[in-house]
Each structure stands twice: as structure tokens, then as C-alpha cells.
Amino acid sequence: MPHLHLETTSDVAENQDVQDILDRLVAKLATFETIASASIKGYHSLRSAWSMGADAPEGFVHLTVQILTGRPDELRVKIADGMFEELKACFPMSVESGEASLTLELREMDKLTYRK
């Protein structure tokens, strides 16, 4: 049920390690209460065409974390903060060089309409 969708531009240095990065992100998400490790799905999309605004870094790394509705705000913030720290740790060259922006969004999937 929880989904981790990692998107990176093709110029990100760490793309060569994307499988290890996905494994790390899945492992990190599994450390939070109410998240069952066996239900996590992590995947990657490589962007070969993109455009950034003036003075923005050349590329980007974006992680969308999707979880079912019903968790308290405090836990959702804890998950978002923890996952963002792990994301930064997975992309040290991009963070240090400033060549890619790192962003994360935690989204909720509606329990009423989500199917598995």
C-alpha cells in the first residue's frame, strides 16, 4: 500500500545507484509505526526532458510518499521529515554540488477508494 515514487533527472550523479537508493528509502519507510514493510512499493522514473526556472539548479530529485488516510498529523510530519532526511543522505553529491534540487511530498490515498 505505501508507495514511494522517486523521480530524477538524467543528469543526477547518483542515478547509477538508484536500486540501492530505492532499497534504502523502502527500509526507512518501514521504520515508522503503522507501516508494514511487506506492503511498501518503491519505484523510479527517470526524466530525460525537463525544464527549470531561471536560477534554479539544473536538475531535480523528487520523492512522492503515498500512504493511506487515517494517520495523525504528527505521524505524517514525522514520516515526511524522516524520509526527507534519508533522501538527502541518498544524494550527497547532488546536495553538495547544488546541481539538483531535492523535494518531497507526502500524499494521502483515500482508504474509501484505494484498492489492492
N, C-alpha and C. Protein backbone atom coordinates (compact mmCIF):
# COMPACT_ATOMS: atom_id res chain seq x y z
N MET A 1 0.80 -1.19 0.00
CA MET A 1 0.00 0.00 0.00
C MET A 1 0.84 1.26 0.00
N PRO A 2 1.74 1.53 0.94
CA PRO A 2 2.51 2.76 0.75
C PRO A 2 3.31 2.69 -0.55
N HIS A 3 3.35 3.81 -1.24
CA HIS A 3 4.12 3.89 -2.48
C HIS A 3 5.20 4.95 -2.32
N LEU A 4 6.37 4.66 -2.85
CA LEU A 4 7.47 5.61 -2.93
C LEU A 4 7.79 5.78 -4.41
N HIS A 5 7.51 6.94 -4.94
CA HIS A 5 7.81 7.22 -6.35
C HIS A 5 8.94 8.23 -6.40
N LEU A 6 10.10 7.74 -6.78
CA LEU A 6 11.30 8.57 -6.89
C LEU A 6 11.45 9.01 -8.34
N GLU A 7 11.57 10.31 -8.54
CA GLU A 7 11.78 10.86 -9.87
C GLU A 7 13.10 11.62 -9.87
N THR A 8 13.93 11.36 -10.88
CA THR A 8 15.19 12.08 -11.01
C THR A 8 15.41 12.49 -12.45
N THR A 9 16.11 13.60 -12.64
CA THR A 9 16.51 13.98 -13.98
C THR A 9 17.75 13.19 -14.37
N SER A 10 17.95 13.03 -15.65
CA SER A 10 19.02 12.15 -16.12
C SER A 10 20.42 12.66 -15.81
N ASP A 11 20.56 13.90 -15.37
CA ASP A 11 21.87 14.45 -15.06
C ASP A 11 22.29 14.25 -13.60
N VAL A 12 21.46 13.60 -12.80
CA VAL A 12 21.78 13.40 -11.39
C VAL A 12 22.84 12.31 -11.25
N ALA A 13 23.93 12.65 -10.59
CA ALA A 13 25.09 11.76 -10.47
C ALA A 13 24.74 10.42 -9.83
N GLU A 14 23.84 10.43 -8.87
CA GLU A 14 23.52 9.20 -8.12
C GLU A 14 22.59 8.25 -8.86
N ASN A 15 22.18 8.57 -10.07
CA ASN A 15 21.28 7.68 -10.82
C ASN A 15 21.86 6.27 -10.97
N GLN A 16 23.16 6.16 -11.01
CA GLN A 16 23.78 4.84 -11.14
C GLN A 16 23.49 3.94 -9.94
N ASP A 17 23.10 4.54 -8.82
CA ASP A 17 22.84 3.79 -7.59
C ASP A 17 21.35 3.71 -7.25
N VAL A 18 20.50 3.90 -8.25
CA VAL A 18 19.07 4.06 -7.97
C VAL A 18 18.47 2.83 -7.28
N GLN A 19 18.90 1.62 -7.60
CA GLN A 19 18.33 0.44 -6.93
C GLN A 19 18.67 0.44 -5.44
N ASP A 20 19.91 0.75 -5.12
CA ASP A 20 20.31 0.84 -3.71
C ASP A 20 19.56 1.96 -2.99
N ILE A 21 19.36 3.06 -3.68
CA ILE A 21 18.62 4.19 -3.10
C ILE A 21 17.18 3.79 -2.81
N LEU A 22 16.54 3.12 -3.77
CA LEU A 22 15.16 2.65 -3.53
C LEU A 22 15.11 1.71 -2.33
N ASP A 23 16.08 0.80 -2.24
CA ASP A 23 16.13 -0.12 -1.11
C ASP A 23 16.25 0.62 0.21
N ARG A 24 17.08 1.65 0.24
CA ARG A 24 17.25 2.47 1.46
C ARG A 24 15.96 3.20 1.82
N LEU A 25 15.29 3.77 0.82
CA LEU A 25 14.06 4.50 1.07
C LEU A 25 12.95 3.59 1.58
N VAL A 26 12.84 2.41 0.98
CA VAL A 26 11.85 1.43 1.44
C VAL A 26 12.15 1.02 2.88
N ALA A 27 13.41 0.74 3.17
CA ALA A 27 13.80 0.34 4.54
C ALA A 27 13.49 1.45 5.53
N LYS A 28 13.73 2.69 5.16
CA LYS A 28 13.46 3.81 6.06
C LYS A 28 11.96 3.94 6.32
N LEU A 29 11.15 3.87 5.27
CA LEU A 29 9.70 3.99 5.46
C LEU A 29 9.18 2.89 6.38
N ALA A 30 9.76 1.72 6.30
CA ALA A 30 9.32 0.59 7.13
C ALA A 30 9.60 0.80 8.62
N THR A 31 10.43 1.78 8.96
CA THR A 31 10.74 2.02 10.38
C THR A 31 9.66 2.81 11.11
N PHE A 32 8.72 3.38 10.37
CA PHE A 32 7.69 4.20 11.01
C PHE A 32 6.51 3.35 11.45
N GLU A 33 5.96 3.71 12.61
CA GLU A 33 4.81 2.96 13.13
C GLU A 33 3.67 2.99 12.13
N THR A 34 2.93 1.92 12.09
CA THR A 34 1.77 1.67 11.23
C THR A 34 2.13 1.35 9.79
N ILE A 35 3.42 1.31 9.46
CA ILE A 35 3.84 0.98 8.08
C ILE A 35 4.36 -0.45 8.06
N ALA A 36 3.70 -1.30 7.30
CA ALA A 36 4.13 -2.70 7.16
C ALA A 36 5.11 -2.81 6.00
N SER A 37 6.29 -3.31 6.28
CA SER A 37 7.35 -3.41 5.28
C SER A 37 6.88 -4.15 4.02
N ALA A 38 6.16 -5.24 4.20
CA ALA A 38 5.74 -6.06 3.05
C ALA A 38 4.79 -5.34 2.11
N SER A 39 4.19 -4.26 2.56
CA SER A 39 3.21 -3.57 1.72
C SER A 39 3.80 -2.39 0.94
N ILE A 40 5.07 -2.07 1.15
CA ILE A 40 5.68 -0.90 0.51
C ILE A 40 6.09 -1.23 -0.92
N LYS A 41 5.80 -0.29 -1.82
CA LYS A 41 6.21 -0.42 -3.21
C LYS A 41 7.05 0.80 -3.56
N GLY A 42 8.29 0.58 -3.98
CA GLY A 42 9.16 1.66 -4.37
C GLY A 42 9.52 1.55 -5.84
N TYR A 43 9.49 2.67 -6.56
CA TYR A 43 9.82 2.66 -7.97
C TYR A 43 10.41 4.00 -8.38
N HIS A 44 11.04 4.00 -9.55
CA HIS A 44 11.80 5.15 -10.02
C HIS A 44 11.38 5.53 -11.44
N SER A 45 11.32 6.81 -11.70
CA SER A 45 11.11 7.33 -13.05
C SER A 45 12.26 8.27 -13.38
N LEU A 46 12.90 8.01 -14.50
CA LEU A 46 14.00 8.84 -14.97
C LEU A 46 13.45 9.85 -15.97
N ARG A 47 13.67 11.12 -15.71
CA ARG A 47 13.19 12.18 -16.59
C ARG A 47 14.31 12.59 -17.55
N SER A 48 14.07 12.40 -18.85
CA SER A 48 15.07 12.76 -19.85
C SER A 48 14.79 14.13 -20.46
N ALA A 49 13.61 14.66 -20.23
CA ALA A 49 13.27 16.01 -20.71
C ALA A 49 12.61 16.75 -19.56
N TRP A 50 13.11 17.94 -19.25
CA TRP A 50 12.57 18.75 -18.17
C TRP A 50 13.00 20.20 -18.38
N SER A 51 12.39 21.07 -17.66
CA SER A 51 12.73 22.49 -17.72
C SER A 51 12.67 23.05 -16.31
N MET A 52 13.63 23.89 -16.00
CA MET A 52 13.69 24.51 -14.68
C MET A 52 13.63 26.03 -14.85
N GLY A 53 13.13 26.72 -13.85
CA GLY A 53 13.04 28.16 -13.89
C GLY A 53 14.41 28.82 -13.80
N ALA A 54 14.43 30.11 -14.10
CA ALA A 54 15.68 30.88 -14.06
C ALA A 54 16.35 30.76 -12.70
N ASP A 55 17.64 30.57 -12.69
CA ASP A 55 18.48 30.48 -11.50
C ASP A 55 18.23 29.23 -10.64
N ALA A 56 17.43 28.30 -11.13
CA ALA A 56 17.20 27.04 -10.42
C ALA A 56 18.36 26.09 -10.70
N PRO A 57 18.56 25.09 -9.84
CA PRO A 57 19.55 24.06 -10.16
C PRO A 57 19.20 23.41 -11.51
N GLU A 58 20.18 22.79 -12.11
CA GLU A 58 19.96 22.20 -13.44
C GLU A 58 19.00 21.02 -13.43
N GLY A 59 18.98 20.25 -12.37
CA GLY A 59 18.14 19.05 -12.32
C GLY A 59 17.38 18.96 -11.02
N PHE A 60 16.70 17.81 -10.85
CA PHE A 60 15.94 17.64 -9.61
C PHE A 60 15.83 16.18 -9.21
N VAL A 61 15.55 16.01 -7.94
CA VAL A 61 15.21 14.73 -7.33
C VAL A 61 13.91 15.00 -6.57
N HIS A 62 12.88 14.22 -6.86
CA HIS A 62 11.61 14.39 -6.16
C HIS A 62 11.11 13.03 -5.69
N LEU A 63 10.70 12.97 -4.43
CA LEU A 63 10.14 11.74 -3.87
C LEU A 63 8.70 12.01 -3.45
N THR A 64 7.79 11.21 -3.98
CA THR A 64 6.41 11.26 -3.54
C THR A 64 6.17 10.05 -2.65
N VAL A 65 5.75 10.29 -1.42
CA VAL A 65 5.42 9.24 -0.46
C VAL A 65 3.90 9.21 -0.37
N GLN A 66 3.32 8.07 -0.68
CA GLN A 66 1.86 7.95 -0.63
C GLN A 66 1.48 6.91 0.43
N ILE A 67 0.62 7.34 1.35
CA ILE A 67 0.14 6.46 2.42
C ILE A 67 -1.37 6.58 2.51
N LEU A 68 -2.00 5.59 3.10
CA LEU A 68 -3.45 5.64 3.27
C LEU A 68 -3.84 6.70 4.29
N THR A 69 -5.03 7.25 4.13
CA THR A 69 -5.56 8.22 5.07
C THR A 69 -5.74 7.59 6.45
N GLY A 70 -5.84 8.46 7.45
CA GLY A 70 -6.16 7.99 8.79
C GLY A 70 -5.07 8.15 9.82
N ARG A 71 -3.86 8.47 9.38
CA ARG A 71 -2.78 8.65 10.35
C ARG A 71 -2.81 10.07 10.92
N PRO A 72 -2.44 10.21 12.19
CA PRO A 72 -2.45 11.55 12.80
C PRO A 72 -1.42 12.47 12.13
N ASP A 73 -1.70 13.77 12.21
CA ASP A 73 -0.80 14.77 11.62
C ASP A 73 0.63 14.61 12.11
N GLU A 74 0.80 14.38 13.40
CA GLU A 74 2.15 14.26 13.98
C GLU A 74 2.94 13.14 13.32
N LEU A 75 2.28 12.01 13.06
CA LEU A 75 2.96 10.89 12.42
C LEU A 75 3.27 11.21 10.96
N ARG A 76 2.36 11.87 10.27
CA ARG A 76 2.60 12.23 8.88
C ARG A 76 3.80 13.19 8.77
N VAL A 77 3.89 14.13 9.69
CA VAL A 77 5.03 15.06 9.70
C VAL A 77 6.31 14.29 10.00
N LYS A 78 6.25 13.38 10.95
CA LYS A 78 7.42 12.56 11.31
C LYS A 78 7.90 11.74 10.11
N ILE A 79 6.96 11.16 9.37
CA ILE A 79 7.30 10.38 8.18
C ILE A 79 7.93 11.30 7.12
N ALA A 80 7.30 12.44 6.86
CA ALA A 80 7.83 13.36 5.85
C ALA A 80 9.23 13.82 6.21
N ASP A 81 9.44 14.23 7.46
CA ASP A 81 10.76 14.69 7.90
C ASP A 81 11.80 13.59 7.81
N GLY A 82 11.46 12.41 8.29
CA GLY A 82 12.40 11.29 8.27
C GLY A 82 12.76 10.85 6.86
N MET A 83 11.77 10.82 5.99
CA MET A 83 12.02 10.42 4.60
C MET A 83 12.85 11.47 3.88
N PHE A 84 12.64 12.76 4.19
CA PHE A 84 13.42 13.81 3.55
C PHE A 84 14.88 13.75 3.99
N GLU A 85 15.11 13.46 5.26
CA GLU A 85 16.49 13.30 5.74
C GLU A 85 17.17 12.13 5.03
N GLU A 86 16.44 11.02 4.87
CA GLU A 86 17.02 9.86 4.17
C GLU A 86 17.27 10.20 2.70
N LEU A 87 16.36 10.93 2.08
CA LEU A 87 16.53 11.33 0.68
C LEU A 87 17.80 12.15 0.52
N LYS A 88 18.01 13.11 1.41
CA LYS A 88 19.24 13.93 1.35
C LYS A 88 20.48 13.05 1.52
N ALA A 89 20.41 12.08 2.41
CA ALA A 89 21.55 11.19 2.64
C ALA A 89 21.83 10.30 1.42
N CYS A 90 20.82 10.03 0.61
CA CYS A 90 20.98 9.19 -0.58
C CYS A 90 21.57 9.95 -1.76
N PHE A 91 21.55 11.26 -1.71
CA PHE A 91 22.01 12.08 -2.83
C PHE A 91 23.08 13.10 -2.39
N PRO A 92 24.17 12.62 -1.78
CA PRO A 92 25.16 13.56 -1.24
C PRO A 92 25.85 14.41 -2.29
N MET A 93 26.16 13.84 -3.45
CA MET A 93 26.85 14.62 -4.49
C MET A 93 25.95 15.73 -5.02
N SER A 94 24.69 15.41 -5.22
CA SER A 94 23.74 16.40 -5.75
C SER A 94 23.47 17.50 -4.73
N VAL A 95 23.40 17.13 -3.45
CA VAL A 95 23.17 18.12 -2.39
C VAL A 95 24.39 19.05 -2.27
N GLU A 96 25.59 18.45 -2.20
CA GLU A 96 26.81 19.24 -2.03
C GLU A 96 27.09 20.17 -3.20
N SER A 97 26.85 19.69 -4.41
CA SER A 97 27.16 20.49 -5.60
C SER A 97 26.08 21.52 -5.90
N GLY A 98 24.88 21.30 -5.39
CA GLY A 98 23.77 22.20 -5.69
C GLY A 98 23.25 22.04 -7.11
N GLU A 99 23.64 20.97 -7.78
CA GLU A 99 23.24 20.75 -9.17
C GLU A 99 21.82 20.22 -9.32
N ALA A 100 21.23 19.77 -8.23
CA ALA A 100 19.85 19.26 -8.30
C ALA A 100 19.10 19.71 -7.06
N SER A 101 17.85 20.08 -7.24
CA SER A 101 17.01 20.41 -6.09
C SER A 101 16.39 19.11 -5.59
N LEU A 102 16.23 18.99 -4.28
CA LEU A 102 15.60 17.83 -3.67
C LEU A 102 14.29 18.26 -3.04
N THR A 103 13.22 17.53 -3.38
CA THR A 103 11.91 17.83 -2.82
C THR A 103 11.20 16.53 -2.47
N LEU A 104 10.24 16.65 -1.56
CA LEU A 104 9.44 15.50 -1.13
C LEU A 104 8.02 15.98 -0.88
N GLU A 105 7.07 15.15 -1.27
CA GLU A 105 5.67 15.40 -0.94
C GLU A 105 5.08 14.13 -0.36
N LEU A 106 4.42 14.26 0.77
CA LEU A 106 3.69 13.14 1.34
C LEU A 106 2.22 13.34 0.97
N ARG A 107 1.66 12.36 0.30
CA ARG A 107 0.26 12.40 -0.12
C ARG A 107 -0.51 11.29 0.56
N GLU A 108 -1.77 11.53 0.76
CA GLU A 108 -2.63 10.50 1.33
C GLU A 108 -3.54 9.92 0.25
N MET A 109 -3.65 8.60 0.26
CA MET A 109 -4.57 7.89 -0.63
C MET A 109 -5.84 7.60 0.19
N ASP A 110 -6.97 7.85 -0.38
CA ASP A 110 -8.23 7.69 0.32
C ASP A 110 -8.53 6.21 0.56
N LYS A 111 -8.67 5.83 1.82
CA LYS A 111 -8.98 4.43 2.18
C LYS A 111 -10.28 3.96 1.53
N LEU A 112 -11.21 4.88 1.38
CA LEU A 112 -12.51 4.53 0.83
C LEU A 112 -12.43 4.07 -0.61
N THR A 113 -11.50 4.64 -1.38
CA THR A 113 -11.45 4.31 -2.81
C THR A 113 -10.19 3.59 -3.25
N TYR A 114 -9.19 3.42 -2.38
CA TYR A 114 -7.97 2.70 -2.76
C TYR A 114 -8.27 1.21 -2.80
N ARG A 115 -7.79 0.54 -3.82
CA ARG A 115 -7.99 -0.91 -3.99
C ARG A 115 -6.65 -1.60 -4.13
N LYS A 116 -6.59 -2.79 -3.56
CA LYS A 116 -5.40 -3.63 -3.76
C LYS A 116 -5.80 -5.08 -3.81
